[in-house]
Amino acid sequence: MGNAQKMEGGPEVSTLDARLTEFIDALEADSRIRSNRTLFFMWDFCQRTRSWLRNLDVSKLEANDEKAVETYNDCISRCIMTKIMIHDTSGKTALMTLSDPKNPTDFGTLLKEKADRLLEAS
């Protein structure tokens, strides 16, 4: 075993899974999901994050298994990135998703609120 340390203050795995599901459901409910690259990218990015989280062995995480801790920390980092991208108004998110940086996607209040909740304390 290495010296892996779980990021401080992160939510429980089940809580993070539920919040990611709420966020993904809200993305899927957006009528622009099929035509907007940025929305689709965010959906795919969060689906992959949730998949990693669901494949995480919580007992190994609790035992500070290096790989499990690394996966959990990656999921937390991806949630931080999600929040940054959802709130971006500079056009950088649009550039990352091959969209028009002069016309960045407005994610709206609901998606911003759900992104903000991803990492709130349990």
Protein backbone atom coordinates (compact mmCIF):
# COMPACT_ATOMS: atom_id res chain seq x y z
CA MET A 1 0.00 0.00 0.00
CA GLY A 2 1.22 3.51 -0.86
CA ASN A 3 0.62 6.79 0.88
CA ALA A 4 -2.63 7.58 -0.92
CA GLN A 5 -4.87 10.05 0.86
CA LYS A 6 -8.51 10.69 0.16
CA MET A 7 -9.30 14.34 -0.53
CA GLU A 8 -10.62 16.05 2.58
CA GLY A 9 -14.26 17.09 2.78
CA GLY A 10 -15.52 15.11 -0.18
CA PRO A 11 -19.00 13.60 -0.04
CA GLU A 12 -19.67 9.93 0.55
CA VAL A 13 -19.60 7.79 -2.60
CA SER A 14 -23.37 7.14 -2.48
CA THR A 15 -24.11 10.85 -2.05
CA LEU A 16 -21.83 11.81 -4.94
CA ASP A 17 -23.42 9.12 -7.12
CA ALA A 18 -26.90 10.47 -6.35
CA ARG A 19 -25.85 14.05 -7.10
CA LEU A 20 -24.16 13.06 -10.36
CA THR A 21 -27.34 11.22 -11.33
CA GLU A 22 -29.43 14.33 -10.61
CA PHE A 23 -27.05 16.42 -12.70
CA ILE A 24 -27.05 13.93 -15.60
CA ASP A 25 -30.85 13.70 -15.47
CA ALA A 26 -31.07 17.50 -15.70
CA LEU A 27 -28.70 17.50 -18.68
CA GLU A 28 -30.80 14.82 -20.39
CA ALA A 29 -33.95 16.84 -19.77
CA ASP A 30 -32.48 19.86 -21.59
CA SER A 31 -34.04 19.98 -25.06
CA ARG A 32 -30.71 21.14 -26.56
CA ILE A 33 -28.82 17.97 -25.56
CA ARG A 34 -28.95 16.45 -29.08
CA SER A 35 -27.83 19.59 -30.91
CA ASN A 36 -25.42 21.28 -28.51
CA ARG A 37 -21.87 19.88 -28.41
CA THR A 38 -21.09 21.46 -25.06
CA LEU A 39 -24.14 19.92 -23.37
CA PHE A 40 -23.33 16.55 -24.92
CA PHE A 41 -19.70 16.81 -23.79
CA MET A 42 -20.78 17.58 -20.22
CA TRP A 43 -23.21 14.65 -20.31
CA ASP A 44 -20.48 12.28 -21.52
CA PHE A 45 -17.91 13.65 -19.05
CA CYS A 46 -20.30 13.18 -16.10
CA GLN A 47 -21.47 9.76 -17.29
CA ARG A 48 -17.85 8.59 -17.34
CA THR A 49 -17.25 10.06 -13.88
CA ARG A 50 -20.31 8.28 -12.50
CA SER A 51 -19.21 5.03 -14.14
CA TRP A 52 -15.83 5.23 -12.39
CA LEU A 53 -17.57 5.98 -9.12
CA ARG A 54 -19.97 3.06 -9.49
CA ASN A 55 -17.10 0.67 -10.18
CA LEU A 56 -15.25 1.84 -7.07
CA ASP A 57 -14.96 -0.73 -4.30
CA VAL A 58 -15.97 1.32 -1.25
CA SER A 59 -14.42 -1.16 1.15
CA LYS A 60 -11.06 -0.63 -0.57
CA LEU A 61 -11.55 3.13 -0.41
CA GLU A 62 -12.24 2.89 3.32
CA ALA A 63 -9.06 0.81 3.70
CA ASN A 64 -7.09 3.53 1.83
CA ASP A 65 -6.24 1.24 -1.07
CA GLU A 66 -4.06 3.37 -3.36
CA LYS A 67 -5.99 2.64 -6.58
CA ALA A 68 -9.38 3.17 -4.92
CA VAL A 69 -8.27 6.46 -3.38
CA GLU A 70 -6.85 7.59 -6.73
CA THR A 71 -10.14 6.79 -8.47
CA TYR A 72 -12.19 8.60 -5.83
CA ASN A 73 -9.91 11.64 -6.02
CA ASP A 74 -10.19 11.62 -9.83
CA CYS A 75 -13.98 11.63 -9.50
CA ILE A 76 -13.81 14.58 -7.11
CA SER A 77 -11.46 16.44 -9.48
CA ARG A 78 -13.82 15.81 -12.39
CA CYS A 79 -16.73 17.22 -10.35
CA ILE A 80 -14.66 20.33 -9.66
CA MET A 81 -13.96 20.61 -13.39
CA THR A 82 -17.67 20.18 -14.13
CA LYS A 83 -18.54 23.08 -11.85
CA ILE A 84 -15.86 25.29 -13.41
CA MET A 85 -17.04 24.48 -16.94
CA ILE A 86 -20.73 25.01 -16.14
CA HIS A 87 -20.01 28.48 -14.74
CA ASP A 88 -17.56 29.48 -17.50
CA THR A 89 -18.51 32.57 -19.48
CA SER A 90 -15.10 33.15 -21.09
CA GLY A 91 -15.67 30.77 -24.01
CA LYS A 92 -13.01 28.28 -22.85
CA THR A 93 -15.58 25.55 -22.30
CA ALA A 94 -16.90 26.16 -25.81
CA LEU A 95 -13.36 25.86 -27.22
CA MET A 96 -12.85 22.58 -25.37
CA THR A 97 -16.03 21.18 -26.92
CA LEU A 98 -15.35 22.51 -30.44
CA SER A 99 -18.18 25.02 -30.12
CA ASP A 100 -18.25 28.76 -30.84
CA PRO A 101 -16.35 30.57 -28.06
CA LYS A 102 -18.12 33.81 -29.03
CA ASN A 103 -21.44 32.15 -28.24
CA PRO A 104 -20.84 29.97 -25.15
CA THR A 105 -23.60 27.73 -23.87
CA ASP A 106 -25.72 29.17 -21.09
CA PHE A 107 -26.36 26.20 -18.85
CA GLY A 108 -29.12 27.97 -16.95
CA THR A 109 -29.91 28.17 -13.27
CA LEU A 110 -30.96 24.54 -12.73
CA LEU A 111 -27.76 22.99 -14.12
CA LYS A 112 -25.59 25.53 -12.32
CA GLU A 113 -27.33 24.75 -9.02
CA LYS A 114 -26.93 21.01 -9.55
CA ALA A 115 -23.24 21.45 -10.43
CA ASP A 116 -22.77 23.54 -7.28
CA ARG A 117 -24.31 20.75 -5.18
CA LEU A 118 -22.04 17.99 -6.49
CA LEU A 119 -19.41 18.43 -3.81
CA GLU A 120 -21.36 19.88 -0.92
CA ALA A 121 -20.65 18.14 2.36
CA SER A 122 -22.84 15.10 2.94
